Protein backbone atom coordinates (compact mmCIF):
# COMPACT_ATOMS: atom_id res chain seq x y z
CA UNK A 1 -8.26 -7.58 55.22
CA UNK A 2 -6.39 -10.79 56.14
CA UNK A 3 -4.59 -13.16 53.79
CA UNK A 4 -6.44 -16.48 53.67
CA UNK A 5 -4.16 -18.48 51.38
CA UNK A 6 -0.55 -18.08 50.23
CA UNK A 7 0.69 -20.41 47.49
CA UNK A 8 4.05 -19.76 45.82
CA UNK A 9 3.62 -16.02 45.29
CA UNK A 10 -0.19 -16.09 45.21
CA UNK A 11 -2.12 -14.34 47.95
CA UNK A 12 -5.88 -14.78 48.34
CA UNK A 13 -7.98 -12.76 50.79
CA UNK A 14 -11.55 -11.69 51.47
CA UNK A 15 -12.78 -8.11 51.25
CA UNK A 16 -16.22 -7.83 52.82
CA UNK A 17 -18.37 -10.09 50.62
CA UNK A 18 -15.92 -10.68 47.75
CA UNK A 19 -12.51 -12.28 47.26
CA UNK A 20 -9.32 -10.96 45.64
CA UNK A 21 -5.84 -12.13 44.69
CA UNK A 22 -2.40 -10.60 44.28
CA UNK A 23 0.63 -12.10 42.56
CA UNK A 24 4.18 -11.48 43.69
CA UNK A 25 6.53 -12.36 40.85
CA UNK A 26 9.21 -11.12 38.49
CA UNK A 27 8.66 -9.93 34.96
CA UNK A 28 10.08 -12.74 32.73
CA UNK A 29 11.78 -10.21 30.45
CA UNK A 30 13.04 -7.39 32.69
CA UNK A 31 13.34 -9.27 35.99
CA UNK A 32 11.64 -6.40 37.83
CA UNK A 33 9.08 -7.12 40.55
CA UNK A 34 5.42 -7.10 39.50
CA UNK A 35 2.35 -7.46 41.72
CA UNK A 36 -0.80 -7.90 39.57
CA UNK A 37 -4.06 -7.62 41.52
CA UNK A 38 -7.68 -8.45 40.80
CA UNK A 39 -10.77 -8.54 43.00
CA UNK A 40 -14.53 -9.03 42.86
CA UNK A 41 -14.65 -12.85 42.96
CA UNK A 42 -17.66 -14.47 44.62
CA UNK A 43 -15.69 -17.28 46.27
CA UNK A 44 -12.22 -18.15 47.49
CA UNK A 45 -11.94 -20.97 44.95
CA UNK A 46 -12.80 -18.64 42.05
CA UNK A 47 -10.12 -16.18 43.17
CA UNK A 48 -7.55 -18.97 43.54
CA UNK A 49 -8.34 -20.43 40.10
CA UNK A 50 -8.03 -17.00 38.48
CA UNK A 51 -4.78 -16.28 40.34
CA UNK A 52 -3.15 -19.53 39.23
CA UNK A 53 -4.19 -18.85 35.63
CA UNK A 54 -2.84 -15.28 35.88
CA UNK A 55 0.48 -16.58 37.20
CA UNK A 56 0.71 -19.07 34.32
CA UNK A 57 0.02 -16.28 31.82
CA UNK A 58 2.60 -14.01 33.43
CA UNK A 59 5.31 -16.67 33.17
CA UNK A 60 4.36 -17.19 29.53
CA UNK A 61 4.79 -13.48 28.81
CA UNK A 62 1.04 -12.87 28.41
CA UNK A 63 -1.26 -10.32 30.04
CA UNK A 64 -2.50 -11.38 33.46
CA UNK A 65 -5.87 -9.63 32.98
CA UNK A 66 -6.40 -9.69 29.20
CA UNK A 67 -9.95 -8.37 29.22
CA UNK A 68 -8.85 -5.13 30.87
CA UNK A 69 -6.50 -3.98 28.08
CA UNK A 70 -7.87 -1.40 25.63
CA UNK A 71 -7.63 -1.64 21.88
CA UNK A 72 -5.24 1.35 21.89
CA UNK A 73 -2.93 -0.28 24.44
CA UNK A 74 -3.04 -3.61 22.62
CA UNK A 75 -1.97 -2.02 19.33
CA UNK A 76 0.87 -0.18 21.06
CA UNK A 77 2.13 -3.53 22.36
CA UNK A 78 1.50 -5.27 19.04
CA UNK A 79 3.44 -2.73 16.98
CA UNK A 80 6.31 -2.85 19.45
CA UNK A 81 6.44 -6.65 19.14
CA UNK A 82 6.09 -7.13 15.39
CA UNK A 83 7.70 -3.89 14.19
CA UNK A 84 11.24 -5.28 13.88
CA UNK A 85 9.99 -8.06 11.58
CA UNK A 86 8.22 -5.72 9.12
CA UNK A 87 9.45 -3.79 6.13
CA UNK A 88 9.60 -0.05 6.81
CA UNK A 89 6.78 0.62 4.33
CA UNK A 90 4.52 -1.99 5.95
CA UNK A 91 5.26 -0.68 9.44
CA UNK A 92 4.51 2.90 8.35
CA UNK A 93 1.24 1.76 6.78
CA UNK A 94 0.21 -0.12 9.94
CA UNK A 95 1.15 2.84 12.14
CA UNK A 96 -0.89 5.22 10.01
CA UNK A 97 -4.01 3.04 9.78
CA UNK A 98 -3.96 2.39 13.53
CA UNK A 99 -3.51 6.04 14.53
CA UNK A 100 -5.79 7.53 11.85
CA UNK A 101 -8.67 5.04 11.72
CA UNK A 102 -8.64 2.28 14.35
CA UNK A 103 -7.74 4.17 17.54
CA UNK A 104 -10.05 7.18 17.01
CA UNK A 105 -13.08 4.87 16.78
CA UNK A 106 -12.19 1.72 18.72
CA UNK A 107 -9.16 2.72 20.80
CA UNK A 108 -10.97 3.30 24.11
CA UNK A 109 -12.86 -0.02 23.98
CA UNK A 110 -11.66 -3.12 25.77
CA UNK A 111 -10.06 -5.67 23.48
CA UNK A 112 -12.68 -8.19 24.61
CA UNK A 113 -15.45 -5.89 23.32
CA UNK A 114 -14.41 -6.48 19.71
CA UNK A 115 -17.01 -8.75 18.17
CA UNK A 116 -18.01 -9.61 14.63
CA UNK A 117 -20.91 -7.15 14.85
CA UNK A 118 -18.66 -4.33 16.11
CA UNK A 119 -16.18 -4.87 13.27
CA UNK A 120 -18.97 -5.06 10.68
CA UNK A 121 -20.23 -1.65 11.84
CA UNK A 122 -16.66 -0.32 11.91
CA UNK A 123 -16.01 -1.28 8.28
CA UNK A 124 -19.32 0.25 7.17
CA UNK A 125 -18.44 3.45 9.03
CA UNK A 126 -15.08 3.67 7.28
CA UNK A 127 -16.67 3.22 3.86
CA UNK A 128 -19.42 5.77 4.50
CA UNK A 129 -17.77 8.44 6.66
CA UNK A 130 -14.32 7.31 7.67
CA UNK A 131 -12.02 9.85 6.03
CA UNK A 132 -10.07 11.58 8.77
CA UNK A 133 -7.03 12.86 6.90
CA UNK A 134 -7.22 16.54 6.04
CA UNK A 135 -7.26 17.08 2.28
CA UNK A 136 -4.38 19.54 2.14
CA UNK A 137 -4.55 19.73 -1.67
CA UNK A 138 -8.15 20.99 -1.57
CA UNK A 139 -7.31 23.31 1.32
CA UNK A 140 -4.45 24.83 -0.67
CA UNK A 141 -6.65 25.18 -3.75
CA UNK A 142 -9.34 27.04 -1.80
CA UNK A 143 -6.71 29.40 -0.39
CA UNK A 144 -5.20 29.90 -3.84
CA UNK A 145 -8.63 30.69 -5.35
CA UNK A 146 -9.37 33.23 -2.64
CA UNK A 147 -6.18 35.13 -3.52
CA UNK A 148 -5.79 34.22 -7.19
CA UNK A 149 -5.72 37.85 -8.33
CA UNK A 150 -2.59 38.67 -6.32
CA UNK A 151 0.77 39.26 -8.02
CA UNK A 152 -0.77 39.87 -11.41
CA UNK A 153 -2.80 36.66 -11.42
CA UNK A 154 -0.03 34.38 -10.13
CA UNK A 155 -1.86 33.91 -6.84
CA UNK A 156 -0.51 34.03 -3.29
CA UNK A 157 3.11 33.46 -2.37
CA UNK A 158 3.86 29.77 -1.72
CA UNK A 159 5.19 30.62 1.75
CA UNK A 160 1.82 32.21 2.64
CA UNK A 161 -0.01 29.15 1.34
CA UNK A 162 2.25 26.80 3.29
CA UNK A 163 1.78 28.77 6.52
CA UNK A 164 -2.00 28.96 6.15
CA UNK A 165 -2.52 25.31 5.13
CA UNK A 166 0.12 23.66 7.31
CA UNK A 167 2.18 22.22 4.46
CA UNK A 168 5.81 22.37 3.46
CA UNK A 169 7.04 25.18 1.23
CA UNK A 170 7.94 22.61 -1.43
CA UNK A 171 4.37 21.22 -1.43
CA UNK A 172 2.90 24.73 -1.69
CA UNK A 173 5.13 25.61 -4.64
CA UNK A 174 4.18 22.42 -6.47
CA UNK A 175 0.48 23.02 -5.75
CA UNK A 176 0.56 26.61 -7.00
CA UNK A 177 2.26 25.43 -10.18
CA UNK A 178 -0.47 22.81 -10.70
CA UNK A 179 -3.30 25.27 -10.07
CA UNK A 180 -1.90 27.80 -12.55
CA UNK A 181 -1.79 25.08 -15.21
CA UNK A 182 -5.41 24.12 -14.57
CA UNK A 183 -4.83 20.94 -12.56
CA UNK A 184 -7.45 21.34 -9.86
CA UNK A 185 -8.11 18.76 -7.12
CA UNK A 186 -11.20 16.59 -7.12
CA UNK A 187 -13.46 16.79 -4.09
CA UNK A 188 -12.58 14.02 -1.65
CA UNK A 189 -15.37 11.64 -0.63
CA UNK A 190 -16.45 11.41 3.01
CA UNK A 191 -15.66 7.71 3.13
CA UNK A 192 -12.51 5.76 2.48
CA UNK A 193 -11.88 3.87 -0.75
CA UNK A 194 -12.78 0.20 -0.63
CA UNK A 195 -9.12 -0.73 -1.12
CA UNK A 196 -8.14 1.34 1.94
CA UNK A 197 -10.76 -0.35 4.13
CA UNK A 198 -9.67 -3.74 2.82
CA UNK A 199 -6.12 -2.93 3.95
CA UNK A 200 -7.45 -2.07 7.42
CA UNK A 201 -9.42 -5.32 7.46
CA UNK A 202 -6.25 -7.28 6.65
CA UNK A 203 -4.40 -5.47 9.44
CA UNK A 204 -7.11 -6.34 11.95
CA UNK A 205 -7.19 -9.97 10.90
CA UNK A 206 -3.47 -10.29 11.44
CA UNK A 207 -3.33 -8.33 14.69
CA UNK A 208 -6.34 -10.02 16.30
CA UNK A 209 -4.94 -13.41 15.30
CA UNK A 210 -1.93 -12.48 17.42
CA UNK A 211 -4.32 -11.30 20.16
CA UNK A 212 -5.72 -14.84 20.28
CA UNK A 213 -2.24 -16.34 20.42
CA UNK A 214 -1.25 -13.97 23.22
CA UNK A 215 -4.35 -14.82 25.23
CA UNK A 216 -6.20 -11.51 24.88
CA UNK A 217 -9.09 -13.03 22.92
CA UNK A 218 -10.61 -16.53 22.79
CA UNK A 219 -11.33 -16.30 19.04
CA UNK A 220 -10.55 -13.86 16.24
CA UNK A 221 -13.69 -11.82 15.42
CA UNK A 222 -12.04 -10.35 12.32
CA UNK A 223 -12.08 -13.77 10.65
CA UNK A 224 -15.87 -13.66 10.32
CA UNK A 225 -16.45 -9.92 9.97
CA UNK A 226 -17.79 -8.90 6.56
CA UNK A 227 -16.52 -6.08 4.38
CA UNK A 228 -19.25 -4.83 1.99
CA UNK A 229 -18.44 -5.49 -1.64
CA UNK A 230 -16.89 -2.79 -3.77
CA UNK A 231 -18.75 -1.20 -6.62
CA UNK A 232 -17.80 -1.94 -10.20
CA UNK A 233 -14.52 -0.13 -10.90
CA UNK A 234 -13.87 -1.51 -14.38
CA UNK A 235 -14.70 1.83 -16.03
CA UNK A 236 -12.10 3.61 -13.93
CA UNK A 237 -9.52 0.97 -14.76
CA UNK A 238 -10.17 1.26 -18.49
CA UNK A 239 -9.59 5.00 -18.33
CA UNK A 240 -6.28 4.56 -16.47
CA UNK A 241 -4.29 3.29 -19.44
CA UNK A 242 -3.07 5.04 -22.57
CA UNK A 243 -3.51 3.78 -26.08
CA UNK A 244 -0.33 2.97 -27.96
CA UNK A 245 -0.69 6.28 -29.83
CA UNK A 246 -0.96 8.23 -26.56
CA UNK A 247 2.01 6.37 -25.12
CA UNK A 248 4.03 7.24 -28.23
CA UNK A 249 3.07 10.93 -27.96
CA UNK A 250 4.20 11.05 -24.34
CA UNK A 251 7.39 9.12 -25.03
CA UNK A 252 8.35 11.37 -27.93
CA UNK A 253 8.37 14.25 -25.43
CA UNK A 254 9.91 12.21 -22.59
CA UNK A 255 12.87 11.19 -24.77
CA UNK A 256 13.90 14.84 -24.88
CA UNK A 257 14.18 14.86 -21.08
CA UNK A 258 17.35 14.27 -19.11
CA UNK A 259 15.98 10.91 -17.93
CA UNK A 260 15.12 9.70 -21.44
CA UNK A 261 16.43 6.17 -20.91
CA UNK A 262 14.47 5.77 -17.66
CA UNK A 263 11.21 6.81 -19.33
CA UNK A 264 11.86 4.34 -22.15
CA UNK A 265 12.49 1.65 -19.54
CA UNK A 266 9.19 2.44 -17.82
CA UNK A 267 7.26 2.33 -21.09
CA UNK A 268 8.70 -0.95 -22.40
CA UNK A 269 8.92 -3.00 -19.18
CA UNK A 270 6.07 -1.88 -16.91
CA UNK A 271 8.47 -1.43 -13.96
CA UNK A 272 7.09 0.03 -10.75
CA UNK A 273 8.26 3.47 -9.60
CA UNK A 274 10.11 1.92 -6.66
CA UNK A 275 11.90 -0.43 -9.06
CA UNK A 276 12.92 2.40 -11.37
CA UNK A 277 14.21 4.45 -8.44
CA UNK A 278 16.12 1.46 -7.05
CA UNK A 279 17.56 0.11 -10.33
CA UNK A 280 21.33 -0.41 -10.11
CA UNK A 281 24.10 0.04 -12.64
CA UNK A 282 25.59 -3.37 -11.88
CA UNK A 283 22.25 -5.00 -12.72
CA UNK A 284 22.12 -3.44 -16.19
CA UNK A 285 23.74 -5.47 -18.99
CA UNK A 286 23.43 -3.42 -22.16
CA UNK A 287 25.39 -5.86 -24.30
CA UNK A 288 23.33 -8.77 -23.02
CA UNK A 289 20.13 -6.67 -23.29
CA UNK A 290 18.91 -7.49 -19.78
CA UNK A 291 18.24 -5.88 -16.40
CA UNK A 292 18.22 -7.44 -12.93
CA UNK A 293 15.41 -6.01 -10.79
CA UNK A 294 16.10 -6.68 -7.11
CA UNK A 295 16.39 -3.56 -4.97
CA UNK A 296 13.77 -0.85 -4.68
CA UNK A 297 13.62 2.69 -3.34
CA UNK A 298 10.42 3.53 -1.48
CA UNK A 299 8.89 6.41 0.46
CA UNK A 300 8.47 5.95 4.23
CA UNK A 301 6.96 8.88 6.13
CA UNK A 302 8.11 11.20 3.36
CA UNK A 303 11.69 9.88 3.33
CA UNK A 304 13.24 7.84 0.53
CA UNK A 305 14.55 4.52 1.86
CA UNK A 306 16.15 1.51 0.20
CA UNK A 307 14.18 -1.74 0.32
CA UNK A 308 14.52 -5.28 -0.96
CA UNK A 309 11.53 -5.46 -3.27
CA UNK A 310 7.79 -5.83 -2.92
CA UNK A 311 7.66 -9.65 -3.13
CA UNK A 312 9.90 -12.55 -4.06
CA UNK A 313 8.35 -12.42 -7.53
CA UNK A 314 9.47 -8.80 -7.79
CA UNK A 315 13.12 -9.89 -7.82
CA UNK A 316 13.65 -10.93 -11.42
CA UNK A 317 15.75 -10.54 -14.57
CA UNK A 318 14.02 -9.11 -17.64
CA UNK A 319 15.05 -8.80 -21.26
CA UNK A 320 15.35 -5.41 -22.92
CA UNK A 321 14.47 -4.60 -26.51
CA UNK A 322 16.97 -2.85 -28.83
CA UNK A 323 15.07 0.47 -28.68
CA UNK A 324 15.25 0.58 -24.88
CA UNK A 325 18.90 -0.51 -24.90
CA UNK A 326 19.76 2.34 -27.25
CA UNK A 327 18.03 4.91 -25.03
CA UNK A 328 19.66 3.50 -21.90
CA UNK A 329 23.09 3.47 -23.52
CA UNK A 330 22.84 7.19 -24.27
CA UNK A 331 21.58 7.87 -20.76
CA UNK A 332 24.40 5.90 -19.09
CA UNK A 333 27.01 7.62 -21.24
CA UNK A 334 25.61 10.98 -20.13
CA UNK A 335 25.82 10.23 -16.41
CA UNK A 336 29.31 8.77 -16.89
CA UNK A 337 30.44 12.09 -18.38
CA UNK A 338 28.88 13.89 -15.41
CA UNK A 339 30.64 11.56 -12.96
CA UNK A 340 34.02 12.17 -14.60
CA UNK A 341 33.46 15.91 -14.57
CA UNK A 342 32.43 15.89 -10.90
CA UNK A 343 35.57 14.12 -9.73
CA UNK A 344 36.35 11.93 -6.76
CA UNK A 345 33.50 13.18 -4.60
CA UNK A 346 30.87 11.71 -6.93
CA UNK A 347 28.57 9.44 -4.83
CA UNK A 348 29.33 5.72 -5.11
CA UNK A 349 25.90 4.21 -4.40
CA UNK A 350 25.50 2.40 -7.73
CA UNK A 351 21.98 3.62 -8.47
CA UNK A 352 20.89 4.27 -12.05
CA UNK A 353 18.46 7.16 -11.54
CA UNK A 354 20.58 10.10 -10.38
CA UNK A 355 20.69 13.84 -10.87
CA UNK A 356 23.49 15.91 -12.38
CA UNK A 357 25.70 15.57 -9.29
CA UNK A 358 25.05 11.88 -8.75
CA UNK A 359 22.46 12.06 -6.01
CA UNK A 360 19.62 9.50 -6.21
CA UNK A 361 16.20 10.92 -7.05
CA UNK A 362 13.46 10.87 -4.45
CA UNK A 363 10.58 8.72 -5.83
CA UNK A 364 8.20 11.68 -5.51
CA UNK A 365 10.58 13.74 -7.66
CA UNK A 366 10.27 11.08 -10.37
CA UNK A 367 6.49 11.36 -10.17
CA UNK A 368 6.50 15.16 -10.38
CA UNK A 369 8.82 15.09 -13.41
CA UNK A 370 6.54 12.51 -15.07
CA UNK A 371 3.48 14.72 -14.48
CA UNK A 372 5.18 17.68 -16.15
CA UNK A 373 6.03 15.56 -19.20
CA UNK A 374 2.41 14.38 -19.40
CA UNK A 375 1.19 17.99 -19.50
CA UNK A 376 3.82 18.93 -22.08
CA UNK A 377 2.79 16.01 -24.32
CA UNK A 378 -0.91 16.97 -24.06
CA UNK A 379 -2.10 13.41 -23.44
CA UNK A 380 -4.73 12.23 -20.93
CA UNK A 381 -3.50 12.60 -17.36
CA UNK A 382 -2.67 9.31 -15.72
CA UNK A 383 -0.47 8.30 -12.80
CA UNK A 384 3.06 7.10 -13.30
CA UNK A 385 1.90 3.68 -12.06
CA UNK A 386 -0.62 3.66 -14.91
CA UNK A 387 2.24 3.49 -17.42
CA UNK A 388 2.69 0.01 -15.94
CA UNK A 389 -1.00 -0.67 -16.57
CA UNK A 390 -0.58 0.62 -20.11
CA UNK A 391 2.33 -1.74 -20.73
CA UNK A 392 0.46 -4.80 -19.44
CA UNK A 393 -2.68 -3.89 -21.38
CA UNK A 394 -0.78 -3.45 -24.65
CA UNK A 395 1.10 -6.71 -24.05
CA UNK A 396 -2.13 -8.62 -23.50
CA UNK A 397 -3.70 -7.04 -26.57
CA UNK A 398 -0.64 -8.08 -28.56
CA UNK A 399 -1.17 -11.70 -27.47
CA UNK A 400 1.76 -12.11 -25.04
CA UNK A 401 1.61 -15.33 -23.01
CA UNK A 402 0.00 -14.55 -19.65
CA UNK A 403 2.55 -16.56 -17.64
CA UNK A 404 5.46 -14.86 -19.38
CA UNK A 405 3.87 -11.44 -18.85
CA UNK A 406 3.16 -12.15 -15.17
CA UNK A 407 6.80 -13.09 -14.59
CA UNK A 408 8.06 -10.10 -16.55
CA UNK A 409 6.12 -7.48 -14.55
CA UNK A 410 6.80 -9.17 -11.20
CA UNK A 411 3.32 -10.36 -10.25
CA UNK A 412 3.19 -13.11 -7.65
CA UNK A 413 1.32 -15.39 -10.07
CA UNK A 414 -0.84 -15.35 -13.18
CA UNK A 415 -3.96 -14.97 -11.05
CA UNK A 416 -2.89 -11.48 -10.01
CA UNK A 417 -2.41 -10.43 -13.63
CA UNK A 418 -5.73 -11.92 -14.69
CA UNK A 419 -7.60 -10.39 -11.75
CA UNK A 420 -6.39 -6.89 -12.63
CA UNK A 421 -6.57 -7.04 -16.42
CA UNK A 422 -9.36 -9.40 -17.43
CA UNK A 423 -11.55 -6.39 -18.33
CA UNK A 424 -9.59 -5.97 -21.58
CA UNK A 425 -10.45 -7.89 -24.73
CA UNK A 426 -10.55 -5.23 -27.51
CA UNK A 427 -11.76 -7.72 -30.07
CA UNK A 428 -8.99 -10.29 -29.59
CA UNK A 429 -11.67 -12.88 -28.83
CA UNK A 430 -13.29 -12.40 -32.25
CA UNK A 431 -11.75 -15.52 -33.81
CA UNK A 432 -12.85 -17.65 -30.84
CA UNK A 433 -16.36 -16.19 -30.97
CA UNK A 434 -16.67 -16.92 -34.70
CA UNK A 435 -15.31 -20.44 -34.28
CA UNK A 436 -17.64 -21.44 -31.43
CA UNK A 437 -20.60 -19.67 -33.01
CA UNK A 438 -19.97 -21.54 -36.25
CA UNK A 439 -19.91 -24.87 -34.41
CA UNK A 440 -23.23 -24.09 -32.74
CA UNK A 441 -24.82 -22.86 -35.97
CA UNK A 442 -23.61 -26.00 -37.76
CA UNK A 443 -25.04 -28.22 -35.04
CA UNK A 444 -28.37 -26.43 -35.23
CA UNK A 445 -28.61 -26.89 -39.01
CA UNK A 446 -27.88 -30.59 -38.68
CA UNK A 447 -29.93 -31.51 -35.62
CA UNK A 448 -33.10 -29.43 -35.87
CA UNK A 449 -36.10 -31.04 -37.61
CA UNK A 450 -37.25 -29.66 -40.94
CA UNK A 451 -40.18 -27.18 -40.77
CA UNK A 452 -42.64 -29.84 -42.04
CA UNK A 453 -41.46 -32.45 -39.52
CA UNK A 454 -42.90 -33.01 -36.08
CA UNK A 455 -40.44 -32.57 -33.23
């Protein structure tokens, strides 16, 4: 094996009937020595051309042999590169979707093997049979049923359930409480929800766009891959909002809770859970009847973390009605009394939603407290986020201007509001229907020939 050509750190030589190259250079970031190698070329010129291109890519910070990298290795590099620019919630979502869905199916393939056809099959697989996350809620329910007769009908000890199902003790306690009250889990489908697969599709479009820019792919196959359409979900959306009577029944119970003012705020503004958890005292102007919504408090890998809002549109100032102001005033007075009683060690974080000793509530704690109030009020079970849907639906039915409503609830634009809520009409179009129908009927009576006339 004898070197045939040496050009500025490029060595070309022949091995039996094929040709190979090796680079001798420094990593542009670390400065350490690197010696990329590749063989199997049919001629000296082919090896030289490939070597020069590899050297150019190395100096540009790109992979010298892009087709050799696997999907798993590419995503490890990609997350490391873009992670610092992402919000913690977005990074956690990307990490989870890559580790749970992309790598198990595509991780061992070469990045160059990703084609439109491969991605089409991948999306169909996720929709039909892609669920990989263990349904711990169903697992706990099955264990609870098998030992329901223990302890006089209370079921197994939460610590036994947690040990058997691989959950935390807190999760097992909450599950046992739900099961005793008749809240049983629905059977999880084998496939992922369309929304979940759409999120994975968006991730792949963004990541493979970067793969093109970094020289791993010539084109982005995700741009032309097709995600099958979702079924009609309008029925589910209609069932996810309370009527005004149901909202009033829940609120009459919620106003007896410690967090009465927060529940009133949720009902009359449609604020997201993260916005409620992140609301600040210095943004609340009770005399001016307004609230600045800017910071949020979100859940990242189970931990509560402060964030700066979902979108630019999410940072806004909203007006408060006198009823909500009254409830909030009582709530603020209560936590001020608690702060004074606690003394100088009371936390000084400025958040509005706090417990008796001033600690901010975990967003999941807010959800669990909401669920208990729903059961106590004996109204249809909905998610806390569906109180937001209820607010928007009632506002639309009351005739609120769509642009004003979109700004108030923090949607990016009116199109988002219309896309989510156009399924509601509830008879508000009756006047328009009668008006247009009358015009048509009038035109028919004027323009049609009489029965004894020839057309």
